[in-house]
N, C-alpha and C. Protein backbone atom coordinates (compact mmCIF):
# COMPACT_ATOMS: atom_id res chain seq x y z
N MET A 1 46.60 6.78 3.68
CA MET A 1 45.91 6.15 2.57
C MET A 1 44.67 5.44 3.09
N SER A 2 43.55 5.64 2.42
CA SER A 2 42.31 5.01 2.87
C SER A 2 42.18 3.61 2.28
N ALA A 3 41.40 2.81 2.96
CA ALA A 3 41.20 1.42 2.55
C ALA A 3 40.34 1.36 1.30
N LEU A 4 40.60 0.35 0.47
CA LEU A 4 39.71 0.09 -0.66
C LEU A 4 38.35 -0.32 -0.12
N LYS A 5 37.31 0.15 -0.78
CA LYS A 5 35.94 -0.14 -0.36
C LYS A 5 35.31 -1.16 -1.29
N LEU A 6 34.42 -1.97 -0.71
CA LEU A 6 33.73 -2.98 -1.50
C LEU A 6 32.36 -3.26 -0.94
N VAL A 7 31.56 -3.93 -1.75
CA VAL A 7 30.24 -4.39 -1.35
C VAL A 7 30.20 -5.90 -1.55
N ILE A 8 29.63 -6.59 -0.57
CA ILE A 8 29.42 -8.03 -0.67
C ILE A 8 27.94 -8.26 -0.96
N SER A 9 27.66 -9.03 -1.99
CA SER A 9 26.29 -9.39 -2.34
C SER A 9 26.08 -10.87 -2.08
N GLY A 10 24.87 -11.22 -1.75
CA GLY A 10 24.52 -12.60 -1.50
C GLY A 10 23.19 -12.66 -0.78
N SER A 11 22.71 -13.84 -0.54
CA SER A 11 21.40 -14.02 0.08
C SER A 11 21.48 -13.81 1.59
N TYR A 12 20.85 -12.73 2.04
CA TYR A 12 20.77 -12.49 3.49
C TYR A 12 19.91 -13.57 4.14
N ARG A 13 18.93 -14.06 3.42
CA ARG A 13 18.02 -15.06 3.99
C ARG A 13 18.69 -16.42 4.12
N LYS A 14 19.48 -16.83 3.12
CA LYS A 14 20.07 -18.16 3.11
C LYS A 14 21.49 -18.21 3.69
N HIS A 15 22.27 -17.14 3.54
CA HIS A 15 23.70 -17.22 3.83
C HIS A 15 24.25 -16.05 4.65
N LEU A 16 23.43 -15.50 5.54
CA LEU A 16 23.87 -14.31 6.27
C LEU A 16 25.13 -14.57 7.11
N SER A 17 25.20 -15.71 7.79
CA SER A 17 26.39 -15.98 8.62
C SER A 17 27.65 -16.07 7.75
N GLU A 18 27.54 -16.67 6.56
CA GLU A 18 28.69 -16.75 5.65
C GLU A 18 29.06 -15.38 5.11
N LEU A 19 28.05 -14.52 4.86
CA LEU A 19 28.33 -13.15 4.42
C LEU A 19 29.13 -12.39 5.48
N TYR A 20 28.74 -12.56 6.75
CA TYR A 20 29.47 -11.89 7.83
C TYR A 20 30.88 -12.49 8.00
N ALA A 21 31.03 -13.78 7.79
CA ALA A 21 32.37 -14.40 7.86
C ALA A 21 33.26 -13.84 6.74
N LEU A 22 32.72 -13.70 5.55
CA LEU A 22 33.45 -13.12 4.43
C LEU A 22 33.80 -11.67 4.73
N LYS A 23 32.87 -10.94 5.32
CA LYS A 23 33.12 -9.54 5.70
C LYS A 23 34.28 -9.47 6.70
N SER A 24 34.29 -10.35 7.68
CA SER A 24 35.37 -10.38 8.68
C SER A 24 36.72 -10.67 8.02
N PHE A 25 36.73 -11.62 7.08
CA PHE A 25 37.94 -11.97 6.36
C PHE A 25 38.50 -10.75 5.62
N LEU A 26 37.64 -10.03 4.93
CA LEU A 26 38.08 -8.88 4.13
C LEU A 26 38.44 -7.69 5.01
N THR A 27 37.71 -7.50 6.08
CA THR A 27 38.02 -6.41 7.02
C THR A 27 39.39 -6.65 7.65
N ALA A 28 39.69 -7.90 8.00
CA ALA A 28 40.99 -8.24 8.59
C ALA A 28 42.13 -7.98 7.60
N LYS A 29 41.83 -7.98 6.32
CA LYS A 29 42.84 -7.69 5.30
C LYS A 29 42.96 -6.20 5.01
N GLY A 30 42.18 -5.39 5.72
CA GLY A 30 42.29 -3.95 5.59
C GLY A 30 41.31 -3.29 4.65
N PHE A 31 40.33 -4.04 4.14
CA PHE A 31 39.32 -3.47 3.25
C PHE A 31 38.17 -2.89 4.06
N GLU A 32 37.49 -1.90 3.49
CA GLU A 32 36.29 -1.35 4.10
C GLU A 32 35.08 -1.95 3.39
N VAL A 33 34.33 -2.76 4.13
CA VAL A 33 33.15 -3.41 3.58
C VAL A 33 31.95 -2.50 3.85
N LEU A 34 31.38 -1.96 2.78
CA LEU A 34 30.27 -1.02 2.91
C LEU A 34 28.93 -1.72 3.14
N SER A 35 28.82 -2.94 2.64
CA SER A 35 27.59 -3.71 2.80
C SER A 35 27.95 -5.19 2.72
N PRO A 36 27.38 -6.03 3.57
CA PRO A 36 26.34 -5.77 4.53
C PRO A 36 26.88 -5.05 5.77
N SER A 37 25.96 -4.35 6.44
CA SER A 37 26.31 -3.67 7.68
C SER A 37 25.67 -4.42 8.84
N GLY A 38 25.80 -3.88 10.01
CA GLY A 38 25.19 -4.49 11.18
C GLY A 38 25.84 -5.80 11.56
N GLU A 39 25.18 -6.51 12.48
CA GLU A 39 25.72 -7.79 12.97
C GLU A 39 24.74 -8.95 12.85
N ARG A 40 23.45 -8.63 12.59
CA ARG A 40 22.47 -9.72 12.59
C ARG A 40 21.19 -9.27 11.91
N ALA A 41 20.35 -10.25 11.59
CA ALA A 41 19.02 -9.98 11.04
C ALA A 41 18.05 -9.77 12.18
N VAL A 42 17.12 -8.84 12.00
CA VAL A 42 16.08 -8.65 13.01
C VAL A 42 14.85 -9.50 12.69
N ASN A 43 14.78 -10.03 11.47
CA ASN A 43 13.67 -10.88 11.06
C ASN A 43 14.17 -12.11 10.31
N PRO A 44 15.03 -12.92 10.95
CA PRO A 44 15.62 -14.06 10.24
C PRO A 44 14.55 -14.97 9.66
N GLY A 45 14.85 -15.46 8.45
CA GLY A 45 13.95 -16.39 7.79
C GLY A 45 12.87 -15.73 6.95
N GLU A 46 12.68 -14.43 7.11
CA GLU A 46 11.69 -13.73 6.29
C GLU A 46 12.18 -13.62 4.86
N GLU A 47 11.28 -13.40 3.93
CA GLU A 47 11.64 -13.28 2.52
C GLU A 47 12.56 -12.08 2.29
N PHE A 48 12.24 -10.93 2.90
CA PHE A 48 13.09 -9.74 2.80
C PHE A 48 13.70 -9.49 4.17
N VAL A 49 14.99 -9.74 4.30
CA VAL A 49 15.67 -9.67 5.59
C VAL A 49 16.08 -8.23 5.90
N ILE A 50 15.80 -7.82 7.12
CA ILE A 50 16.19 -6.50 7.62
C ILE A 50 17.34 -6.72 8.61
N LEU A 51 18.41 -5.94 8.44
CA LEU A 51 19.55 -6.03 9.36
C LEU A 51 19.37 -5.06 10.52
N ASN A 52 20.02 -5.36 11.64
CA ASN A 52 19.85 -4.51 12.81
C ASN A 52 20.39 -3.09 12.59
N SER A 53 21.16 -2.87 11.54
CA SER A 53 21.68 -1.55 11.24
C SER A 53 20.81 -0.78 10.25
N ASP A 54 19.81 -1.43 9.68
CA ASP A 54 18.95 -0.78 8.69
C ASP A 54 18.04 0.23 9.40
N PRO A 55 18.03 1.48 8.94
CA PRO A 55 17.23 2.50 9.62
C PRO A 55 15.73 2.42 9.31
N LEU A 56 15.35 1.66 8.30
CA LEU A 56 13.95 1.53 7.91
C LEU A 56 13.75 0.20 7.23
N GLU A 57 12.54 -0.09 6.81
CA GLU A 57 12.23 -1.41 6.25
C GLU A 57 11.78 -1.37 4.79
N ASP A 58 11.89 -0.24 4.13
CA ASP A 58 11.43 -0.11 2.75
C ASP A 58 12.43 -0.77 1.80
N PRO A 59 12.02 -1.84 1.08
CA PRO A 59 12.97 -2.56 0.22
C PRO A 59 13.63 -1.68 -0.85
N ARG A 60 12.88 -0.80 -1.47
CA ARG A 60 13.47 0.03 -2.53
C ARG A 60 14.53 0.98 -1.96
N ILE A 61 14.23 1.62 -0.85
CA ILE A 61 15.19 2.55 -0.27
C ILE A 61 16.44 1.79 0.18
N LEU A 62 16.26 0.61 0.78
CA LEU A 62 17.41 -0.18 1.20
C LEU A 62 18.24 -0.63 0.00
N GLN A 63 17.58 -1.05 -1.10
CA GLN A 63 18.31 -1.44 -2.31
C GLN A 63 19.03 -0.23 -2.90
N ASP A 64 18.36 0.92 -2.92
CA ASP A 64 19.01 2.14 -3.42
C ASP A 64 20.24 2.50 -2.60
N SER A 65 20.20 2.23 -1.29
CA SER A 65 21.37 2.52 -0.46
C SER A 65 22.53 1.59 -0.80
N ILE A 66 22.22 0.35 -1.18
CA ILE A 66 23.29 -0.56 -1.63
C ILE A 66 23.86 -0.06 -2.95
N PHE A 67 23.01 0.39 -3.86
CA PHE A 67 23.51 0.96 -5.12
C PHE A 67 24.42 2.16 -4.86
N ALA A 68 24.04 3.01 -3.91
CA ALA A 68 24.87 4.17 -3.57
C ALA A 68 26.23 3.71 -3.03
N LYS A 69 26.23 2.67 -2.22
CA LYS A 69 27.48 2.13 -1.69
C LYS A 69 28.32 1.54 -2.82
N MET A 70 27.68 0.91 -3.79
CA MET A 70 28.41 0.34 -4.92
C MET A 70 29.11 1.43 -5.73
N ARG A 71 28.49 2.61 -5.81
CA ARG A 71 29.12 3.72 -6.54
C ARG A 71 30.37 4.22 -5.83
N GLN A 72 30.52 3.91 -4.56
CA GLN A 72 31.71 4.28 -3.79
C GLN A 72 32.76 3.17 -3.77
N ALA A 73 32.38 1.99 -4.22
CA ALA A 73 33.22 0.80 -4.09
C ALA A 73 34.23 0.66 -5.22
N SER A 74 35.29 -0.07 -4.91
CA SER A 74 36.30 -0.42 -5.92
C SER A 74 35.99 -1.75 -6.59
N PHE A 75 35.27 -2.64 -5.88
CA PHE A 75 34.89 -3.92 -6.44
C PHE A 75 33.73 -4.52 -5.65
N GLN A 76 33.16 -5.58 -6.21
CA GLN A 76 32.06 -6.31 -5.59
C GLN A 76 32.50 -7.75 -5.39
N VAL A 77 32.07 -8.33 -4.27
CA VAL A 77 32.26 -9.76 -4.01
C VAL A 77 30.87 -10.39 -3.92
N VAL A 78 30.69 -11.50 -4.60
CA VAL A 78 29.40 -12.20 -4.58
C VAL A 78 29.58 -13.54 -3.89
N LEU A 79 28.83 -13.73 -2.81
CA LEU A 79 28.84 -15.01 -2.12
C LEU A 79 27.71 -15.85 -2.71
N ASN A 80 28.07 -16.65 -3.67
CA ASN A 80 27.11 -17.50 -4.38
C ASN A 80 27.28 -18.95 -3.94
N LYS A 81 27.12 -19.19 -2.65
CA LYS A 81 27.29 -20.52 -2.07
C LYS A 81 26.37 -21.53 -2.74
N ASP A 82 26.93 -22.70 -3.05
CA ASP A 82 26.21 -23.77 -3.74
C ASP A 82 25.62 -23.29 -5.06
N GLY A 83 26.25 -22.27 -5.65
CA GLY A 83 25.81 -21.74 -6.93
C GLY A 83 24.59 -20.84 -6.86
N TYR A 84 24.10 -20.58 -5.64
CA TYR A 84 22.86 -19.82 -5.50
C TYR A 84 23.07 -18.33 -5.77
N LEU A 85 22.30 -17.80 -6.69
CA LEU A 85 22.24 -16.37 -6.96
C LEU A 85 20.78 -15.95 -6.87
N GLY A 86 20.46 -15.16 -5.86
CA GLY A 86 19.10 -14.65 -5.75
C GLY A 86 18.88 -13.49 -6.71
N LYS A 87 17.66 -13.08 -6.84
CA LYS A 87 17.31 -12.01 -7.77
C LYS A 87 18.00 -10.70 -7.42
N ALA A 88 18.09 -10.36 -6.13
CA ALA A 88 18.76 -9.12 -5.73
C ALA A 88 20.25 -9.19 -6.06
N SER A 89 20.87 -10.34 -5.87
CA SER A 89 22.29 -10.49 -6.20
C SER A 89 22.52 -10.32 -7.70
N ILE A 90 21.64 -10.89 -8.50
CA ILE A 90 21.77 -10.74 -9.95
C ILE A 90 21.60 -9.27 -10.35
N LEU A 91 20.65 -8.60 -9.73
CA LEU A 91 20.46 -7.17 -9.98
C LEU A 91 21.73 -6.39 -9.61
N GLU A 92 22.32 -6.72 -8.47
CA GLU A 92 23.54 -6.02 -8.02
C GLU A 92 24.73 -6.34 -8.91
N ILE A 93 24.82 -7.56 -9.41
CA ILE A 93 25.90 -7.90 -10.34
C ILE A 93 25.75 -7.05 -11.61
N GLY A 94 24.56 -6.97 -12.13
CA GLY A 94 24.32 -6.15 -13.31
C GLY A 94 24.68 -4.69 -13.07
N TYR A 95 24.33 -4.19 -11.90
CA TYR A 95 24.66 -2.80 -11.57
C TYR A 95 26.18 -2.62 -11.47
N ALA A 96 26.85 -3.57 -10.83
CA ALA A 96 28.32 -3.51 -10.71
C ALA A 96 28.96 -3.51 -12.10
N ILE A 97 28.47 -4.36 -12.98
CA ILE A 97 29.00 -4.43 -14.34
C ILE A 97 28.80 -3.08 -15.03
N SER A 98 27.62 -2.49 -14.86
CA SER A 98 27.35 -1.20 -15.51
C SER A 98 28.26 -0.09 -14.98
N LEU A 99 28.70 -0.23 -13.73
CA LEU A 99 29.62 0.74 -13.14
C LEU A 99 31.08 0.47 -13.52
N GLY A 100 31.32 -0.69 -14.12
CA GLY A 100 32.70 -1.06 -14.46
C GLY A 100 33.46 -1.65 -13.29
N LEU A 101 32.75 -2.12 -12.27
CA LEU A 101 33.41 -2.73 -11.11
C LEU A 101 33.84 -4.16 -11.43
N GLN A 102 34.96 -4.56 -10.87
CA GLN A 102 35.39 -5.95 -10.91
C GLN A 102 34.42 -6.74 -10.02
N VAL A 103 33.95 -7.88 -10.50
CA VAL A 103 33.04 -8.73 -9.75
C VAL A 103 33.77 -10.03 -9.44
N LEU A 104 33.98 -10.28 -8.15
CA LEU A 104 34.62 -11.51 -7.69
C LEU A 104 33.55 -12.43 -7.13
N THR A 105 33.58 -13.70 -7.52
CA THR A 105 32.59 -14.65 -7.03
C THR A 105 33.26 -15.76 -6.24
N ILE A 106 32.57 -16.21 -5.21
CA ILE A 106 33.10 -17.28 -4.37
C ILE A 106 33.11 -18.60 -5.12
N GLU A 107 32.06 -18.87 -5.87
CA GLU A 107 31.99 -20.06 -6.70
C GLU A 107 31.83 -19.65 -8.16
N ARG A 108 32.19 -20.55 -9.04
CA ARG A 108 32.10 -20.27 -10.47
C ARG A 108 30.65 -20.00 -10.85
N ILE A 109 30.45 -19.02 -11.70
CA ILE A 109 29.13 -18.69 -12.23
C ILE A 109 28.89 -19.56 -13.46
N GLU A 110 27.76 -20.22 -13.51
CA GLU A 110 27.43 -21.09 -14.64
C GLU A 110 26.96 -20.32 -15.86
N ASP A 111 26.17 -19.29 -15.65
CA ASP A 111 25.60 -18.54 -16.78
C ASP A 111 26.70 -17.85 -17.56
N PRO A 112 26.86 -18.15 -18.85
CA PRO A 112 27.97 -17.57 -19.62
C PRO A 112 27.88 -16.05 -19.78
N ASN A 113 26.66 -15.50 -19.75
CA ASN A 113 26.50 -14.06 -19.88
C ASN A 113 27.03 -13.32 -18.66
N ILE A 114 26.85 -13.91 -17.48
CA ILE A 114 27.36 -13.30 -16.25
C ILE A 114 28.81 -13.70 -16.03
N ALA A 115 29.14 -14.96 -16.29
CA ALA A 115 30.50 -15.47 -16.03
C ALA A 115 31.56 -14.66 -16.77
N ALA A 116 31.23 -14.15 -17.94
CA ALA A 116 32.21 -13.38 -18.72
C ALA A 116 32.67 -12.12 -17.99
N TYR A 117 31.88 -11.68 -17.00
CA TYR A 117 32.20 -10.45 -16.27
C TYR A 117 32.74 -10.72 -14.87
N THR A 118 32.96 -11.98 -14.53
CA THR A 118 33.37 -12.29 -13.16
C THR A 118 34.76 -12.92 -13.12
N ARG A 119 35.29 -12.92 -11.94
CA ARG A 119 36.60 -13.52 -11.66
C ARG A 119 36.48 -14.26 -10.34
N CYS A 120 37.20 -15.34 -10.19
CA CYS A 120 37.16 -16.11 -8.95
C CYS A 120 37.82 -15.35 -7.80
N PHE A 121 37.12 -15.30 -6.70
CA PHE A 121 37.60 -14.64 -5.48
C PHE A 121 38.95 -15.19 -5.05
N ASP A 122 39.12 -16.52 -5.13
CA ASP A 122 40.35 -17.12 -4.64
C ASP A 122 41.55 -16.89 -5.57
N GLU A 123 41.34 -16.34 -6.76
CA GLU A 123 42.46 -15.91 -7.59
C GLU A 123 43.12 -14.68 -6.98
N VAL A 124 42.32 -13.86 -6.34
CA VAL A 124 42.81 -12.64 -5.70
C VAL A 124 43.17 -12.90 -4.24
N PHE A 125 42.40 -13.79 -3.59
CA PHE A 125 42.60 -14.11 -2.18
C PHE A 125 42.79 -15.61 -2.02
N PRO A 126 43.98 -16.12 -2.34
CA PRO A 126 44.19 -17.58 -2.32
C PRO A 126 44.10 -18.19 -0.93
N ASP A 127 44.16 -17.38 0.12
CA ASP A 127 44.08 -17.91 1.48
C ASP A 127 42.64 -18.04 1.98
N TRP A 128 41.67 -17.74 1.13
CA TRP A 128 40.26 -17.93 1.51
C TRP A 128 40.01 -19.40 1.72
N LYS A 129 39.31 -19.77 2.77
CA LYS A 129 39.15 -21.15 3.21
C LYS A 129 38.04 -21.93 2.52
N HIS A 130 37.28 -21.33 1.68
CA HIS A 130 36.13 -21.95 1.02
C HIS A 130 36.58 -22.94 -0.05
N GLU A 131 35.68 -23.85 -0.45
CA GLU A 131 35.96 -24.69 -1.62
C GLU A 131 36.17 -23.77 -2.80
N ASN A 132 37.34 -23.81 -3.33
CA ASN A 132 37.77 -22.74 -4.23
C ASN A 132 37.16 -22.79 -5.62
N CYS A 133 36.84 -21.61 -6.09
CA CYS A 133 36.30 -21.39 -7.43
C CYS A 133 37.33 -21.81 -8.49
N THR A 134 38.59 -21.50 -8.26
CA THR A 134 39.63 -21.81 -9.23
C THR A 134 39.69 -23.32 -9.47
N ARG A 135 39.59 -24.11 -8.41
CA ARG A 135 39.59 -25.56 -8.57
C ARG A 135 38.38 -26.02 -9.36
N GLN A 136 37.24 -25.38 -9.14
CA GLN A 136 36.04 -25.73 -9.89
C GLN A 136 36.23 -25.46 -11.37
N ARG A 137 36.86 -24.33 -11.71
CA ARG A 137 37.06 -23.98 -13.11
C ARG A 137 38.07 -24.91 -13.77
N ALA A 138 39.03 -25.36 -12.99
CA ALA A 138 40.08 -26.23 -13.55
C ALA A 138 39.51 -27.60 -13.91
N SER A 139 38.42 -27.99 -13.25
CA SER A 139 37.87 -29.32 -13.53
C SER A 139 36.97 -29.34 -14.73
């Protein structure tokens, strides 16, 4: 039996280390994380971050490759640390919704239009060590 596949979305510029920590957590649970790939940014701090596994630097082609990975995925995880959702993450959430993918978020989404399509990550993975989304919703 093959592992369930997923894509993690979030800000490579602001939260890349947390994205990789989340990837490690999910990989250890037996999931195949299709994105992000690689181990580090080759241009940290730049507006458009390139990973060491990216074969080219064209933003559209790289975004299209994430969309292709999403079409192979069973669900999406969004690392929205401190409530931050960048434009690319919002685009990817919309794409996931259009594909009918379950969208799990690390923190509660404030926007009611997006929140209606999301579920808290810690409802599915209660052993996640982050300040939990479920506790935020309960308050």
